[in-house]
Amino acid sequence: MHPPRPPSIDQGVIAVIWAVGLGIYIYFGLLAVGASGATAIVISLVSFAGIWLLVRLRGEEPVRRPRRRRS
Protein backbone atom coordinates (compact mmCIF):
# COMPACT_ATOMS: atom_id res chain seq x y z
CA MET A 1 0.00 0.00 0.00
CA HIS A 2 1.13 3.49 -0.74
CA PRO A 3 0.45 6.50 1.50
CA PRO A 4 -2.63 8.54 0.60
CA ARG A 5 -2.14 11.61 -1.56
CA PRO A 6 -2.89 15.00 0.00
CA PRO A 7 -6.00 16.76 -1.27
CA SER A 8 -5.70 19.13 -4.19
CA ILE A 9 -6.01 22.77 -3.08
CA ASP A 10 -6.76 25.51 -5.59
CA GLN A 11 -3.92 27.94 -6.31
CA GLY A 12 -6.13 30.91 -5.37
CA VAL A 13 -6.63 29.50 -1.87
CA ILE A 14 -2.90 28.94 -1.46
CA ALA A 15 -2.27 32.51 -2.64
CA VAL A 16 -4.70 33.92 -0.04
CA ILE A 17 -3.09 31.87 2.75
CA TRP A 18 0.39 33.16 1.84
CA ALA A 19 -0.83 36.75 1.45
CA VAL A 20 -2.69 36.78 4.78
CA GLY A 21 0.23 35.23 6.65
CA LEU A 22 2.86 37.54 5.25
CA GLY A 23 0.56 40.57 5.46
CA ILE A 24 0.06 39.98 9.19
CA TYR A 25 3.80 39.49 9.62
CA ILE A 26 4.48 42.81 7.84
CA TYR A 27 1.79 44.60 9.88
CA PHE A 28 3.18 43.52 13.25
CA GLY A 29 6.73 44.09 12.05
CA LEU A 30 5.89 47.68 11.16
CA LEU A 31 4.23 48.21 14.53
CA ALA A 32 7.29 46.76 16.26
CA VAL A 33 9.62 49.26 14.60
CA GLY A 34 7.42 52.21 15.53
CA ALA A 35 5.27 52.88 12.46
CA SER A 36 1.82 54.32 13.11
CA GLY A 37 -1.19 52.02 12.92
CA ALA A 38 -2.57 53.68 9.79
CA THR A 39 0.74 53.42 7.95
CA ALA A 40 1.10 49.79 8.98
CA ILE A 41 -2.41 48.96 7.72
CA VAL A 42 -1.88 50.65 4.35
CA ILE A 43 1.51 49.05 3.72
CA SER A 44 0.32 45.62 4.83
CA LEU A 45 -2.77 45.81 2.59
CA VAL A 46 -0.68 46.81 -0.41
CA SER A 47 1.73 43.99 0.44
CA PHE A 48 -1.21 41.59 0.74
CA ALA A 49 -2.38 42.47 -2.76
CA GLY A 50 1.10 42.18 -4.25
CA ILE A 51 1.87 38.88 -2.55
CA TRP A 52 -1.51 37.44 -3.57
CA LEU A 53 -0.97 38.45 -7.19
CA LEU A 54 2.58 37.11 -7.29
CA VAL A 55 1.69 33.74 -5.76
CA ARG A 56 -1.47 33.45 -7.86
CA LEU A 57 0.35 34.04 -11.13
CA ARG A 58 3.77 32.50 -10.47
CA GLY A 59 3.30 30.07 -7.59
CA GLU A 60 2.04 27.01 -9.42
CA GLU A 61 4.40 24.44 -10.85
CA PRO A 62 3.86 23.66 -14.51
CA VAL A 63 2.37 20.28 -15.25
CA ARG A 64 5.03 17.82 -16.34
CA ARG A 65 4.19 15.73 -19.32
CA PRO A 66 5.71 12.27 -19.52
CA ARG A 67 8.37 11.92 -22.17
CA ARG A 68 7.72 9.57 -25.03
CA ARG A 69 10.15 6.76 -25.49
CA ARG A 70 11.97 6.60 -28.78
CA SER A 71 11.56 3.33 -30.61
C-alpha atoms as a PDB file:
ATOM      1  CA  MET A   1       0.000   0.000   0.000  1.00  0.00           C
ATOM      2  CA  HIS A   2       1.130   3.491  -0.739  1.00  0.00           C
ATOM      3  CA  PRO A   3       0.451   6.504   1.497  1.00  0.00           C
ATOM      4  CA  PRO A   4      -2.632   8.544   0.600  1.00  0.00           C
ATOM      5  CA  ARG A   5      -2.140  11.611  -1.562  1.00  0.00           C
ATOM      6  CA  PRO A   6      -2.885  14.996  -0.001  1.00  0.00           C
ATOM      7  CA  PRO A   7      -5.996  16.764  -1.270  1.00  0.00           C
ATOM      8  CA  SER A   8      -5.697  19.132  -4.188  1.00  0.00           C
ATOM      9  CA  ILE A   9      -6.006  22.765  -3.081  1.00  0.00           C
ATOM     10  CA  ASP A  10      -6.765  25.506  -5.594  1.00  0.00           C
ATOM     11  CA  GLN A  11      -3.925  27.939  -6.311  1.00  0.00           C
ATOM     12  CA  GLY A  12      -6.129  30.907  -5.375  1.00  0.00           C
ATOM     13  CA  VAL A  13      -6.632  29.496  -1.868  1.00  0.00           C
ATOM     14  CA  ILE A  14      -2.895  28.942  -1.459  1.00  0.00           C
ATOM     15  CA  ALA A  15      -2.267  32.515  -2.637  1.00  0.00           C
ATOM     16  CA  VAL A  16      -4.697  33.920  -0.043  1.00  0.00           C
ATOM     17  CA  ILE A  17      -3.086  31.875   2.752  1.00  0.00           C
ATOM     18  CA  TRP A  18       0.389  33.161   1.840  1.00  0.00           C
ATOM     19  CA  ALA A  19      -0.832  36.747   1.450  1.00  0.00           C
ATOM     20  CA  VAL A  20      -2.689  36.779   4.781  1.00  0.00           C
ATOM     21  CA  GLY A  21       0.228  35.226   6.654  1.00  0.00           C
ATOM     22  CA  LEU A  22       2.864  37.541   5.251  1.00  0.00           C
ATOM     23  CA  GLY A  23       0.556  40.571   5.461  1.00  0.00           C
ATOM     24  CA  ILE A  24       0.056  39.976   9.188  1.00  0.00           C
ATOM     25  CA  TYR A  25       3.805  39.494   9.616  1.00  0.00           C
ATOM     26  CA  ILE A  26       4.481  42.808   7.839  1.00  0.00           C
ATOM     27  CA  TYR A  27       1.792  44.595   9.883  1.00  0.00           C
ATOM     28  CA  PHE A  28       3.183  43.519  13.252  1.00  0.00           C
ATOM     29  CA  GLY A  29       6.730  44.087  12.052  1.00  0.00           C
ATOM     30  CA  LEU A  30       5.892  47.675  11.159  1.00  0.00           C
ATOM     31  CA  LEU A  31       4.228  48.208  14.530  1.00  0.00           C
ATOM     32  CA  ALA A  32       7.291  46.757  16.260  1.00  0.00           C
ATOM     33  CA  VAL A  33       9.619  49.260  14.601  1.00  0.00           C
ATOM     34  CA  GLY A  34       7.417  52.212  15.535  1.00  0.00           C
ATOM     35  CA  ALA A  35       5.274  52.877  12.464  1.00  0.00           C
ATOM     36  CA  SER A  36       1.824  54.319  13.108  1.00  0.00           C
ATOM     37  CA  GLY A  37      -1.190  52.022  12.915  1.00  0.00           C
ATOM     38  CA  ALA A  38      -2.571  53.679   9.787  1.00  0.00           C
ATOM     39  CA  THR A  39       0.740  53.423   7.955  1.00  0.00           C
ATOM     40  CA  ALA A  40       1.099  49.786   8.978  1.00  0.00           C
ATOM     41  CA  ILE A  41      -2.409  48.962   7.723  1.00  0.00           C
ATOM     42  CA  VAL A  42      -1.882  50.652   4.352  1.00  0.00           C
ATOM     43  CA  ILE A  43       1.506  49.053   3.721  1.00  0.00           C
ATOM     44  CA  SER A  44       0.322  45.618   4.832  1.00  0.00           C
ATOM     45  CA  LEU A  45      -2.775  45.808   2.587  1.00  0.00           C
ATOM     46  CA  VAL A  46      -0.678  46.814  -0.414  1.00  0.00           C
ATOM     47  CA  SER A  47       1.731  43.994   0.441  1.00  0.00           C
ATOM     48  CA  PHE A  48      -1.211  41.593   0.744  1.00  0.00           C
ATOM     49  CA  ALA A  49      -2.379  42.473  -2.765  1.00  0.00           C
ATOM     50  CA  GLY A  50       1.100  42.185  -4.251  1.00  0.00           C
ATOM     51  CA  ILE A  51       1.866  38.883  -2.546  1.00  0.00           C
ATOM     52  CA  TRP A  52      -1.505  37.444  -3.574  1.00  0.00           C
ATOM     53  CA  LEU A  53      -0.974  38.449  -7.188  1.00  0.00           C
ATOM     54  CA  LEU A  54       2.584  37.105  -7.285  1.00  0.00           C
ATOM     55  CA  VAL A  55       1.686  33.742  -5.761  1.00  0.00           C
ATOM     56  CA  ARG A  56      -1.467  33.446  -7.856  1.00  0.00           C
ATOM     57  CA  LEU A  57       0.350  34.043 -11.126  1.00  0.00           C
ATOM     58  CA  ARG A  58       3.770  32.503 -10.467  1.00  0.00           C
ATOM     59  CA  GLY A  59       3.297  30.075  -7.594  1.00  0.00           C
ATOM     60  CA  GLU A  60       2.037  27.014  -9.418  1.00  0.00           C
ATOM     61  CA  GLU A  61       4.398  24.439 -10.845  1.00  0.00           C
ATOM     62  CA  PRO A  62       3.864  23.658 -14.513  1.00  0.00           C
ATOM     63  CA  VAL A  63       2.372  20.276 -15.245  1.00  0.00           C
ATOM     64  CA  ARG A  64       5.028  17.824 -16.342  1.00  0.00           C
ATOM     65  CA  ARG A  65       4.194  15.725 -19.323  1.00  0.00           C
ATOM     66  CA  PRO A  66       5.713  12.266 -19.520  1.00  0.00           C
ATOM     67  CA  ARG A  67       8.373  11.919 -22.173  1.00  0.00           C
ATOM     68  CA  ARG A  68       7.721   9.573 -25.027  1.00  0.00           C
ATOM     69  CA  ARG A  69      10.153   6.756 -25.486  1.00  0.00           C
ATOM     70  CA  ARG A  70      11.969   6.599 -28.776  1.00  0.00           C
ATOM     71  CA  SER A  71      11.562   3.331 -30.605  1.00  0.00           C
END
